[in-house]
PDB file of all heavy atoms in Angstrom:
ATOM      1  N   GLY A   1     -35.783  14.126 -45.878  1.00  0.00           N
ATOM      2  CA  GLY A   1     -36.173  13.333 -47.038  1.00  0.00           C
ATOM      3  C   GLY A   1     -37.489  13.779 -47.649  1.00  0.00           C
ATOM      4  O   GLY A   1     -37.794  13.435 -48.797  1.00  0.00           O
ATOM      5  N   SER A   2     -38.268  14.564 -46.907  1.00  0.00           N
ATOM      6  CA  SER A   2     -39.558  15.054 -47.412  1.00  0.00           C
ATOM      7  C   SER A   2     -39.399  16.123 -48.481  1.00  0.00           C
ATOM      8  O   SER A   2     -40.366  16.447 -49.185  1.00  0.00           O
ATOM      9  CB  SER A   2     -40.386  15.642 -46.258  1.00  0.00           C
ATOM     10  OG  SER A   2     -40.484  14.745 -45.189  1.00  0.00           O
ATOM     11  N   LEU A   3     -38.207  16.691 -48.610  1.00  0.00           N
ATOM     12  CA  LEU A   3     -38.014  17.803 -49.546  1.00  0.00           C
ATOM     13  C   LEU A   3     -38.166  17.367 -50.999  1.00  0.00           C
ATOM     14  O   LEU A   3     -38.542  18.170 -51.854  1.00  0.00           O
ATOM     15  CB  LEU A   3     -36.646  18.443 -49.319  1.00  0.00           C
ATOM     16  CG  LEU A   3     -36.443  19.059 -47.930  1.00  0.00           C
ATOM     17  CD1 LEU A   3     -35.024  19.574 -47.768  1.00  0.00           C
ATOM     18  CD2 LEU A   3     -37.449  20.175 -47.680  1.00  0.00           C
ATOM     19  N   LEU A   4     -37.851  16.110 -51.279  1.00  0.00           N
ATOM     20  CA  LEU A   4     -38.052  15.556 -52.621  1.00  0.00           C
ATOM     21  C   LEU A   4     -38.924  14.318 -52.493  1.00  0.00           C
ATOM     22  O   LEU A   4     -38.834  13.588 -51.502  1.00  0.00           O
ATOM     23  CB  LEU A   4     -36.716  15.194 -53.283  1.00  0.00           C
ATOM     24  CG  LEU A   4     -35.741  16.340 -53.572  1.00  0.00           C
ATOM     25  CD1 LEU A   4     -34.445  15.808 -54.166  1.00  0.00           C
ATOM     26  CD2 LEU A   4     -36.365  17.372 -54.504  1.00  0.00           C
ATOM     27  N   ILE A   5     -39.730  14.055 -53.496  1.00  0.00           N
ATOM     28  CA  ILE A   5     -40.665  12.930 -53.426  1.00  0.00           C
ATOM     29  C   ILE A   5     -39.939  11.593 -53.353  1.00  0.00           C
ATOM     30  O   ILE A   5     -40.454  10.620 -52.807  1.00  0.00           O
ATOM     31  CB  ILE A   5     -41.634  12.949 -54.638  1.00  0.00           C
ATOM     32  CG1 ILE A   5     -42.802  11.975 -54.428  1.00  0.00           C
ATOM     33  CG2 ILE A   5     -40.895  12.653 -55.926  1.00  0.00           C
ATOM     34  CD1 ILE A   5     -43.697  12.325 -53.299  1.00  0.00           C
ATOM     35  N   ILE A   6     -38.719  11.540 -53.882  1.00  0.00           N
ATOM     36  CA  ILE A   6     -37.946  10.289 -53.871  1.00  0.00           C
ATOM     37  C   ILE A   6     -37.064  10.175 -52.645  1.00  0.00           C
ATOM     38  O   ILE A   6     -36.301   9.222 -52.497  1.00  0.00           O
ATOM     39  CB  ILE A   6     -37.078  10.162 -55.139  1.00  0.00           C
ATOM     40  CG1 ILE A   6     -36.069  11.320 -55.206  1.00  0.00           C
ATOM     41  CG2 ILE A   6     -37.928  10.095 -56.386  1.00  0.00           C
ATOM     42  CD1 ILE A   6     -35.026  11.183 -56.285  1.00  0.00           C
ATOM     43  N   GLY A   7     -37.152  11.149 -51.729  1.00  0.00           N
ATOM     44  CA  GLY A   7     -36.246  11.184 -50.601  1.00  0.00           C
ATOM     45  C   GLY A   7     -36.651  10.356 -49.402  1.00  0.00           C
ATOM     46  O   GLY A   7     -35.891  10.274 -48.441  1.00  0.00           O
ATOM     47  N   SER A   8     -37.825   9.764 -49.434  1.00  0.00           N
ATOM     48  CA  SER A   8     -38.285   8.976 -48.285  1.00  0.00           C
ATOM     49  C   SER A   8     -39.219   7.872 -48.742  1.00  0.00           C
ATOM     50  O   SER A   8     -39.804   7.941 -49.829  1.00  0.00           O
ATOM     51  CB  SER A   8     -39.016   9.877 -47.277  1.00  0.00           C
ATOM     52  OG  SER A   8     -40.224  10.372 -47.835  1.00  0.00           O
ATOM     53  N   ALA A   9     -39.355   6.868 -47.899  1.00  0.00           N
ATOM     54  CA  ALA A   9     -40.283   5.774 -48.200  1.00  0.00           C
ATOM     55  C   ALA A   9     -41.708   6.300 -48.301  1.00  0.00           C
ATOM     56  O   ALA A   9     -42.491   5.844 -49.141  1.00  0.00           O
ATOM     57  CB  ALA A   9     -40.189   4.709 -47.106  1.00  0.00           C
ATOM     58  N   ALA A  10     -42.040   7.284 -47.460  1.00  0.00           N
ATOM     59  CA  ALA A  10     -43.384   7.865 -47.505  1.00  0.00           C
ATOM     60  C   ALA A  10     -43.658   8.493 -48.872  1.00  0.00           C
ATOM     61  O   ALA A  10     -44.747   8.338 -49.436  1.00  0.00           O
ATOM     62  CB  ALA A  10     -43.536   8.914 -46.398  1.00  0.00           C
ATOM     63  N   GLY A  11     -42.673   9.203 -49.401  1.00  0.00           N
ATOM     64  CA  GLY A  11     -42.839   9.837 -50.701  1.00  0.00           C
ATOM     65  C   GLY A  11     -43.006   8.834 -51.825  1.00  0.00           C
ATOM     66  O   GLY A  11     -43.848   9.008 -52.719  1.00  0.00           O
ATOM     67  N   ILE A  12     -42.224   7.789 -51.783  1.00  0.00           N
ATOM     68  CA  ILE A  12     -42.285   6.772 -52.840  1.00  0.00           C
ATOM     69  C   ILE A  12     -43.619   6.041 -52.804  1.00  0.00           C
ATOM     70  O   ILE A  12     -44.237   5.780 -53.844  1.00  0.00           O
ATOM     71  CB  ILE A  12     -41.112   5.782 -52.688  1.00  0.00           C
ATOM     72  CG1 ILE A  12     -39.785   6.508 -52.947  1.00  0.00           C
ATOM     73  CG2 ILE A  12     -41.253   4.620 -53.665  1.00  0.00           C
ATOM     74  CD1 ILE A  12     -38.559   5.713 -52.615  1.00  0.00           C
ATOM     75  N   VAL A  13     -44.097   5.721 -51.593  1.00  0.00           N
ATOM     76  CA  VAL A  13     -45.394   5.052 -51.461  1.00  0.00           C
ATOM     77  C   VAL A  13     -46.511   5.965 -51.964  1.00  0.00           C
ATOM     78  O   VAL A  13     -47.414   5.529 -52.694  1.00  0.00           O
ATOM     79  CB  VAL A  13     -45.647   4.643 -49.996  1.00  0.00           C
ATOM     80  CG1 VAL A  13     -47.084   4.185 -49.804  1.00  0.00           C
ATOM     81  CG2 VAL A  13     -44.691   3.531 -49.581  1.00  0.00           C
ATOM     82  N   ALA A  14     -46.460   7.249 -51.591  1.00  0.00           N
ATOM     83  CA  ALA A  14     -47.480   8.201 -52.040  1.00  0.00           C
ATOM     84  C   ALA A  14     -47.465   8.346 -53.559  1.00  0.00           C
ATOM     85  O   ALA A  14     -48.517   8.406 -54.203  1.00  0.00           O
ATOM     86  CB  ALA A  14     -47.252   9.558 -51.381  1.00  0.00           C
ATOM     87  N   MET A  15     -46.271   8.375 -54.146  1.00  0.00           N
ATOM     88  CA  MET A  15     -46.129   8.510 -55.596  1.00  0.00           C
ATOM     89  C   MET A  15     -46.721   7.297 -56.313  1.00  0.00           C
ATOM     90  O   MET A  15     -47.295   7.419 -57.394  1.00  0.00           O
ATOM     91  CB  MET A  15     -44.649   8.682 -55.955  1.00  0.00           C
ATOM     92  CG  MET A  15     -44.378   9.026 -57.409  1.00  0.00           C
ATOM     93  SD  MET A  15     -42.692   9.637 -57.704  1.00  0.00           S
ATOM     94  CE  MET A  15     -41.692   8.402 -56.900  1.00  0.00           C
ATOM     95  N   SER A  16     -46.602   6.142 -55.707  1.00  0.00           N
ATOM     96  CA  SER A  16     -47.138   4.926 -56.330  1.00  0.00           C
ATOM     97  C   SER A  16     -48.662   4.886 -56.271  1.00  0.00           C
ATOM     98  O   SER A  16     -49.300   4.222 -57.088  1.00  0.00           O
ATOM     99  CB  SER A  16     -46.564   3.686 -55.645  1.00  0.00           C
ATOM    100  OG  SER A  16     -47.113   3.522 -54.358  1.00  0.00           O
ATOM    101  N   LYS A  17     -49.244   5.599 -55.306  1.00  0.00           N
ATOM    102  CA  LYS A  17     -50.693   5.570 -55.123  1.00  0.00           C
ATOM    103  C   LYS A  17     -51.417   6.647 -55.931  1.00  0.00           C
ATOM    104  O   LYS A  17     -52.576   6.480 -56.304  1.00  0.00           O
ATOM    105  CB  LYS A  17     -51.027   5.749 -53.634  1.00  0.00           C
ATOM    106  CG  LYS A  17     -50.699   4.554 -52.763  1.00  0.00           C
ATOM    107  CD  LYS A  17     -51.652   3.419 -53.057  1.00  0.00           C
ATOM    108  CE  LYS A  17     -51.433   2.252 -52.104  1.00  0.00           C
ATOM    109  NZ  LYS A  17     -52.380   1.156 -52.391  1.00  0.00           N
ATOM    110  N   ILE A  18     -50.747   7.783 -56.164  1.00  0.00           N
ATOM    111  CA  ILE A  18     -51.362   8.912 -56.871  1.00  0.00           C
ATOM    112  C   ILE A  18     -50.593   9.136 -58.161  1.00  0.00           C
ATOM    113  O   ILE A  18     -49.448   9.602 -58.137  1.00  0.00           O
ATOM    114  CB  ILE A  18     -51.359  10.182 -56.001  1.00  0.00           C
ATOM    115  CG1 ILE A  18     -52.101   9.929 -54.686  1.00  0.00           C
ATOM    116  CG2 ILE A  18     -51.998  11.350 -56.759  1.00  0.00           C
ATOM    117  CD1 ILE A  18     -52.046  11.076 -53.715  1.00  0.00           C
ATOM    118  N   GLU A  19     -51.200   8.818 -59.282  1.00  0.00           N
ATOM    119  CA  GLU A  19     -50.513   8.875 -60.571  1.00  0.00           C
ATOM    120  C   GLU A  19     -50.003  10.268 -60.892  1.00  0.00           C
ATOM    121  O   GLU A  19     -48.922  10.428 -61.468  1.00  0.00           O
ATOM    122  CB  GLU A  19     -51.466   8.396 -61.676  1.00  0.00           C
ATOM    123  CG  GLU A  19     -50.799   8.259 -63.039  1.00  0.00           C
ATOM    124  CD  GLU A  19     -51.742   7.687 -64.083  1.00  0.00           C
ATOM    125  OE1 GLU A  19     -52.828   7.198 -63.701  1.00  0.00           O
ATOM    126  OE2 GLU A  19     -51.399   7.738 -65.264  1.00  0.00           O
ATOM    127  N   ALA A  20     -50.744  11.292 -60.526  1.00  0.00           N
ATOM    128  CA  ALA A  20     -50.353  12.671 -60.850  1.00  0.00           C
ATOM    129  C   ALA A  20     -49.237  13.188 -59.957  1.00  0.00           C
ATOM    130  O   ALA A  20     -48.642  14.236 -60.246  1.00  0.00           O
ATOM    131  CB  ALA A  20     -51.565  13.592 -60.738  1.00  0.00           C
ATOM    132  N   LEU A  21     -48.934  12.481 -58.886  1.00  0.00           N
ATOM    133  CA  LEU A  21     -47.865  12.893 -57.980  1.00  0.00           C
ATOM    134  C   LEU A  21     -46.531  12.368 -58.512  1.00  0.00           C
ATOM    135  O   LEU A  21     -46.205  11.199 -58.375  1.00  0.00           O
ATOM    136  CB  LEU A  21     -48.128  12.353 -56.572  1.00  0.00           C
ATOM    137  CG  LEU A  21     -47.148  12.792 -55.489  1.00  0.00           C
ATOM    138  CD1 LEU A  21     -47.191  14.299 -55.296  1.00  0.00           C
ATOM    139  CD2 LEU A  21     -47.457  12.087 -54.169  1.00  0.00           C
ATOM    140  N   THR A  22     -45.771  13.248 -59.133  1.00  0.00           N
ATOM    141  CA  THR A  22     -44.483  12.890 -59.726  1.00  0.00           C
ATOM    142  C   THR A  22     -43.386  13.755 -59.122  1.00  0.00           C
ATOM    143  O   THR A  22     -43.652  14.646 -58.307  1.00  0.00           O
ATOM    144  CB  THR A  22     -44.509  13.093 -61.245  1.00  0.00           C
ATOM    145  OG1 THR A  22     -44.698  14.503 -61.525  1.00  0.00           O
ATOM    146  CG2 THR A  22     -45.638  12.300 -61.895  1.00  0.00           C
ATOM    147  N   PHE A  23     -42.168  13.500 -59.540  1.00  0.00           N
ATOM    148  CA  PHE A  23     -41.039  14.308 -59.061  1.00  0.00           C
ATOM    149  C   PHE A  23     -41.280  15.784 -59.360  1.00  0.00           C
ATOM    150  O   PHE A  23     -41.065  16.649 -58.518  1.00  0.00           O
ATOM    151  CB  PHE A  23     -39.750  13.834 -59.726  1.00  0.00           C
ATOM    152  CG  PHE A  23     -38.518  14.523 -59.208  1.00  0.00           C
ATOM    153  CD1 PHE A  23     -37.807  13.998 -58.145  1.00  0.00           C
ATOM    154  CD2 PHE A  23     -38.063  15.708 -59.782  1.00  0.00           C
ATOM    155  CE1 PHE A  23     -36.670  14.636 -57.662  1.00  0.00           C
ATOM    156  CE2 PHE A  23     -36.931  16.351 -59.306  1.00  0.00           C
ATOM    157  CZ  PHE A  23     -36.240  15.817 -58.240  1.00  0.00           C
ATOM    158  N   GLY A  24     -41.759  16.053 -60.574  1.00  0.00           N
ATOM    159  CA  GLY A  24     -41.973  17.430 -60.998  1.00  0.00           C
ATOM    160  C   GLY A  24     -43.119  18.118 -60.278  1.00  0.00           C
ATOM    161  O   GLY A  24     -42.984  19.267 -59.840  1.00  0.00           O
ATOM    162  N   THR A  25     -44.255  17.443 -60.130  1.00  0.00           N
ATOM    163  CA  THR A  25     -45.402  18.081 -59.472  1.00  0.00           C
ATOM    164  C   THR A  25     -45.134  18.311 -57.981  1.00  0.00           C
ATOM    165  O   THR A  25     -45.573  19.309 -57.405  1.00  0.00           O
ATOM    166  CB  THR A  25     -46.671  17.220 -59.636  1.00  0.00           C
ATOM    167  OG1 THR A  25     -46.424  15.890 -59.137  1.00  0.00           O
ATOM    168  CG2 THR A  25     -47.082  17.134 -61.095  1.00  0.00           C
ATOM    169  N   TYR A  26     -44.387  17.418 -57.361  1.00  0.00           N
ATOM    170  CA  TYR A  26     -44.034  17.594 -55.949  1.00  0.00           C
ATOM    171  C   TYR A  26     -43.038  18.731 -55.780  1.00  0.00           C
ATOM    172  O   TYR A  26     -43.068  19.465 -54.786  1.00  0.00           O
ATOM    173  CB  TYR A  26     -43.452  16.289 -55.409  1.00  0.00           C
ATOM    174  CG  TYR A  26     -43.245  16.249 -53.914  1.00  0.00           C
ATOM    175  CD1 TYR A  26     -44.280  15.879 -53.055  1.00  0.00           C
ATOM    176  CD2 TYR A  26     -42.014  16.565 -53.353  1.00  0.00           C
ATOM    177  CE1 TYR A  26     -44.087  15.819 -51.674  1.00  0.00           C
ATOM    178  CE2 TYR A  26     -41.809  16.515 -51.978  1.00  0.00           C
ATOM    179  CZ  TYR A  26     -42.847  16.147 -51.148  1.00  0.00           C
ATOM    180  OH  TYR A  26     -42.656  16.098 -49.789  1.00  0.00           O
ATOM    181  N   LEU A  27     -42.154  18.898 -56.775  1.00  0.00           N
ATOM    182  CA  LEU A  27     -41.118  19.920 -56.706  1.00  0.00           C
ATOM    183  C   LEU A  27     -41.708  21.334 -56.695  1.00  0.00           C
ATOM    184  O   LEU A  27     -41.050  22.277 -56.264  1.00  0.00           O
ATOM    185  CB  LEU A  27     -40.156  19.756 -57.890  1.00  0.00           C
ATOM    186  CG  LEU A  27     -38.800  20.466 -57.794  1.00  0.00           C
ATOM    187  CD1 LEU A  27     -37.995  19.928 -56.615  1.00  0.00           C
ATOM    188  CD2 LEU A  27     -38.015  20.281 -59.089  1.00  0.00           C
ATOM    189  N   ARG A  28     -42.933  21.466 -57.158  1.00  0.00           N
ATOM    190  CA  ARG A  28     -43.583  22.786 -57.152  1.00  0.00           C
ATOM    191  C   ARG A  28     -43.705  23.347 -55.737  1.00  0.00           C
ATOM    192  O   ARG A  28     -43.790  24.564 -55.543  1.00  0.00           O
ATOM    193  CB  ARG A  28     -44.984  22.681 -57.770  1.00  0.00           C
ATOM    194  CG  ARG A  28     -45.012  22.264 -59.231  1.00  0.00           C
ATOM    195  CD  ARG A  28     -46.440  22.046 -59.668  1.00  0.00           C
ATOM    196  NE  ARG A  28     -46.522  21.434 -60.997  1.00  0.00           N
ATOM    197  CZ  ARG A  28     -47.642  20.977 -61.535  1.00  0.00           C
ATOM    198  NH1 ARG A  28     -48.784  21.072 -60.854  1.00  0.00           N
ATOM    199  NH2 ARG A  28     -47.632  20.428 -62.734  1.00  0.00           N
ATOM    200  N   PHE A  29     -43.722  22.487 -54.756  1.00  0.00           N
ATOM    201  CA  PHE A  29     -43.922  22.925 -53.367  1.00  0.00           C
ATOM    202  C   PHE A  29     -42.602  22.994 -52.592  1.00  0.00           C
ATOM    203  O   PHE A  29     -42.620  23.051 -51.358  1.00  0.00           O
ATOM    204  CB  PHE A  29     -44.887  21.969 -52.664  1.00  0.00           C
ATOM    205  CG  PHE A  29     -46.198  21.787 -53.372  1.00  0.00           C
ATOM    206  CD1 PHE A  29     -46.474  20.603 -54.055  1.00  0.00           C
ATOM    207  CD2 PHE A  29     -47.146  22.785 -53.385  1.00  0.00           C
ATOM    208  CE1 PHE A  29     -47.687  20.427 -54.712  1.00  0.00           C
ATOM    209  CE2 PHE A  29     -48.362  22.622 -54.042  1.00  0.00           C
ATOM    210  CZ  PHE A  29     -48.626  21.449 -54.715  1.00  0.00           C
ATOM    211  N   ILE A  30     -41.465  22.997 -53.296  1.00  0.00           N
ATOM    212  CA  ILE A  30     -40.163  22.917 -52.642  1.00  0.00           C
ATOM    213  C   ILE A  30     -39.914  24.086 -51.702  1.00  0.00           C
ATOM    214  O   ILE A  30     -39.327  23.931 -50.635  1.00  0.00           O
ATOM    215  CB  ILE A  30     -39.027  22.804 -53.693  1.00  0.00           C
ATOM    216  CG1 ILE A  30     -37.666  22.611 -53.018  1.00  0.00           C
ATOM    217  CG2 ILE A  30     -39.013  24.009 -54.608  1.00  0.00           C
ATOM    218  CD1 ILE A  30     -37.550  21.346 -52.199  1.00  0.00           C
ATOM    219  N   VAL A  31     -40.355  25.296 -52.086  1.00  0.00           N
ATOM    220  CA  VAL A  31     -40.121  26.468 -51.235  1.00  0.00           C
ATOM    221  C   VAL A  31     -40.870  26.321 -49.911  1.00  0.00           C
ATOM    222  O   VAL A  31     -40.308  26.547 -48.827  1.00  0.00           O
ATOM    223  CB  VAL A  31     -40.549  27.761 -51.954  1.00  0.00           C
ATOM    224  CG1 VAL A  31     -40.426  28.960 -51.008  1.00  0.00           C
ATOM    225  CG2 VAL A  31     -39.696  27.989 -53.191  1.00  0.00           C
ATOM    226  N   ALA A  32     -42.123  25.924 -49.986  1.00  0.00           N
ATOM    227  CA  ALA A  32     -42.927  25.726 -48.773  1.00  0.00           C
ATOM    228  C   ALA A  32     -42.334  24.615 -47.905  1.00  0.00           C
ATOM    229  O   ALA A  32     -42.246  24.742 -46.676  1.00  0.00           O
ATOM    230  CB  ALA A  32     -44.367  25.403 -49.143  1.00  0.00           C
ATOM    231  N   LEU A  33     -41.915  23.532 -48.544  1.00  0.00           N
ATOM    232  CA  LEU A  33     -41.313  22.415 -47.814  1.00  0.00           C
ATOM    233  C   LEU A  33     -40.015  22.833 -47.129  1.00  0.00           C
ATOM    234  O   LEU A  33     -39.754  22.474 -45.972  1.00  0.00           O
ATOM    235  CB  LEU A  33     -41.043  21.253 -48.778  1.00  0.00           C
ATOM    236  CG  LEU A  33     -42.281  20.503 -49.290  1.00  0.00           C
ATOM    237  CD1 LEU A  33     -41.932  19.683 -50.531  1.00  0.00           C
ATOM    238  CD2 LEU A  33     -42.852  19.600 -48.207  1.00  0.00           C
ATOM    239  N   LEU A  34     -39.202  23.608 -47.837  1.00  0.00           N
ATOM    240  CA  LEU A  34     -37.924  24.054 -47.289  1.00  0.00           C
ATOM    241  C   LEU A  34     -38.134  25.004 -46.109  1.00  0.00           C
ATOM    242  O   LEU A  34     -37.411  24.931 -45.104  1.00  0.00           O
ATOM    243  CB  LEU A  34     -37.101  24.732 -48.385  1.00  0.00           C
ATOM    244  CG  LEU A  34     -35.628  25.034 -48.069  1.00  0.00           C
ATOM    245  CD1 LEU A  34     -34.897  23.756 -47.682  1.00  0.00           C
ATOM    246  CD2 LEU A  34     -34.952  25.702 -49.252  1.00  0.00           C
ATOM    247  N   LEU A  35     -39.129  25.878 -46.217  1.00  0.00           N
ATOM    248  CA  LEU A  35     -39.438  26.793 -45.117  1.00  0.00           C
ATOM    249  C   LEU A  35     -39.882  26.014 -43.873  1.00  0.00           C
ATOM    250  O   LEU A  35     -39.434  26.298 -42.754  1.00  0.00           O
ATOM    251  CB  LEU A  35     -40.534  27.772 -45.544  1.00  0.00           C
ATOM    252  CG  LEU A  35     -40.120  28.934 -46.455  1.00  0.00           C
ATOM    253  CD1 LEU A  35     -41.348  29.700 -46.913  1.00  0.00           C
ATOM    254  CD2 LEU A  35     -39.148  29.864 -45.731  1.00  0.00           C
ATOM    255  N   ALA A  36     -40.767  25.039 -44.063  1.00  0.00           N
ATOM    256  CA  ALA A  36     -41.257  24.241 -42.935  1.00  0.00           C
ATOM    257  C   ALA A  36     -40.117  23.439 -42.304  1.00  0.00           C
ATOM    258  O   ALA A  36     -39.987  23.388 -41.072  1.00  0.00           O
ATOM    259  CB  ALA A  36     -42.369  23.312 -43.405  1.00  0.00           C
ATOM    260  N   TYR A  37     -39.292  22.820 -43.141  1.00  0.00           N
ATOM    261  CA  TYR A  37     -38.148  22.042 -42.646  1.00  0.00           C
ATOM    262  C   TYR A  37     -37.205  22.924 -41.841  1.00  0.00           C
ATOM    263  O   TYR A  37     -36.742  22.545 -40.759  1.00  0.00           O
ATOM    264  CB  TYR A  37     -37.417  21.403 -43.833  1.00  0.00           C
ATOM    265  CG  TYR A  37     -36.042  20.877 -43.513  1.00  0.00           C
ATOM    266  CD1 TYR A  37     -35.867  19.705 -42.778  1.00  0.00           C
ATOM    267  CD2 TYR A  37     -34.898  21.554 -43.945  1.00  0.00           C
ATOM    268  CE1 TYR A  37     -34.602  19.223 -42.484  1.00  0.00           C
ATOM    269  CE2 TYR A  37     -33.631  21.075 -43.668  1.00  0.00           C
ATOM    270  CZ  TYR A  37     -33.481  19.914 -42.925  1.00  0.00           C
ATOM    271  OH  TYR A  37     -32.223  19.437 -42.634  1.00  0.00           O
ATOM    272  N   THR A  38     -36.931  24.124 -42.355  1.00  0.00           N
ATOM    273  CA  THR A  38     -36.000  25.036 -41.694  1.00  0.00           C
ATOM    274  C   THR A  38     -36.555  25.534 -40.366  1.00  0.00           C
ATOM    275  O   THR A  38     -35.822  25.610 -39.371  1.00  0.00           O
ATOM    276  CB  THR A  38     -35.689  26.234 -42.614  1.00  0.00           C
ATOM    277  OG1 THR A  38     -35.163  25.752 -43.854  1.00  0.00           O
ATOM    278  CG2 THR A  38     -34.671  27.163 -41.972  1.00  0.00           C
ATOM    279  N   LEU A  39     -37.841  25.873 -40.328  1.00  0.00           N
ATOM    280  CA  LEU A  39     -38.445  26.317 -39.072  1.00  0.00           C
ATOM    281  C   LEU A  39     -38.349  25.218 -38.015  1.00  0.00           C
ATOM    282  O   LEU A  39     -37.978  25.474 -36.860  1.00  0.00           O
ATOM    283  CB  LEU A  39     -39.914  26.683 -39.290  1.00  0.00           C
ATOM    284  CG  LEU A  39     -40.707  26.969 -38.005  1.00  0.00           C
ATOM    285  CD1 LEU A  39     -40.259  28.285 -37.392  1.00  0.00           C
ATOM    286  CD2 LEU A  39     -42.207  26.992 -38.259  1.00  0.00           C
ATOM    287  N   GLY A  40     -38.683  24.000 -38.407  1.00  0.00           N
ATOM    288  CA  GLY A  40     -38.589  22.892 -37.468  1.00  0.00           C
ATOM    289  C   GLY A  40     -37.175  22.679 -36.977  1.00  0.00           C
ATOM    290  O   GLY A  40     -36.947  22.408 -35.786  1.00  0.00           O
ATOM    291  N   TYR A  41     -36.206  22.824 -37.886  1.00  0.00           N
ATOM    292  CA  TYR A  41     -34.804  22.630 -37.516  1.00  0.00           C
ATOM    293  C   TYR A  41     -34.353  23.677 -36.501  1.00  0.00           C
ATOM    294  O   TYR A  41     -33.691  23.348 -35.510  1.00  0.00           O
ATOM    295  CB  TYR A  41     -33.929  22.691 -38.764  1.00  0.00           C
ATOM    296  CG  TYR A  41     -32.479  22.339 -38.495  1.00  0.00           C
ATOM    297  CD1 TYR A  41     -32.080  21.012 -38.395  1.00  0.00           C
ATOM    298  CD2 TYR A  41     -31.523  23.334 -38.315  1.00  0.00           C
ATOM    299  CE1 TYR A  41     -30.759  20.684 -38.119  1.00  0.00           C
ATOM    300  CE2 TYR A  41     -30.196  23.022 -38.048  1.00  0.00           C
ATOM    301  CZ  TYR A  41     -29.822  21.690 -37.950  1.00  0.00           C
ATOM    302  OH  TYR A  41     -28.515  21.377 -37.678  1.00  0.00           O
ATOM    303  N   ILE A  42     -34.723  24.936 -36.741  1.00  0.00           N
ATOM    304  CA  ILE A  42     -34.362  26.011 -35.809  1.00  0.00           C
ATOM    305  C   ILE A  42     -34.994  25.762 -34.441  1.00  0.00           C
ATOM    306  O   ILE A  42     -34.360  25.949 -33.395  1.00  0.00           O
ATOM    307  CB  ILE A  42     -34.803  27.378 -36.373  1.00  0.00           C
ATOM    308  CG1 ILE A  42     -33.986  27.718 -37.633  1.00  0.00           C
ATOM    309  CG2 ILE A  42     -34.637  28.482 -35.328  1.00  0.00           C
ATOM    310  CD1 ILE A  42     -34.478  28.939 -38.374  1.00  0.00           C
TER     311      ILE A  42
END
């Protein structure tokens, strides 16, 4: 659920606290997030 800002309660709470944190600005880090998620999964 961390891969998208709307995918978890943590993301939604963080988005509500930081105005500049939106779906689009969080999506900029999708490659890094996907790499970290995949490493952990392996």
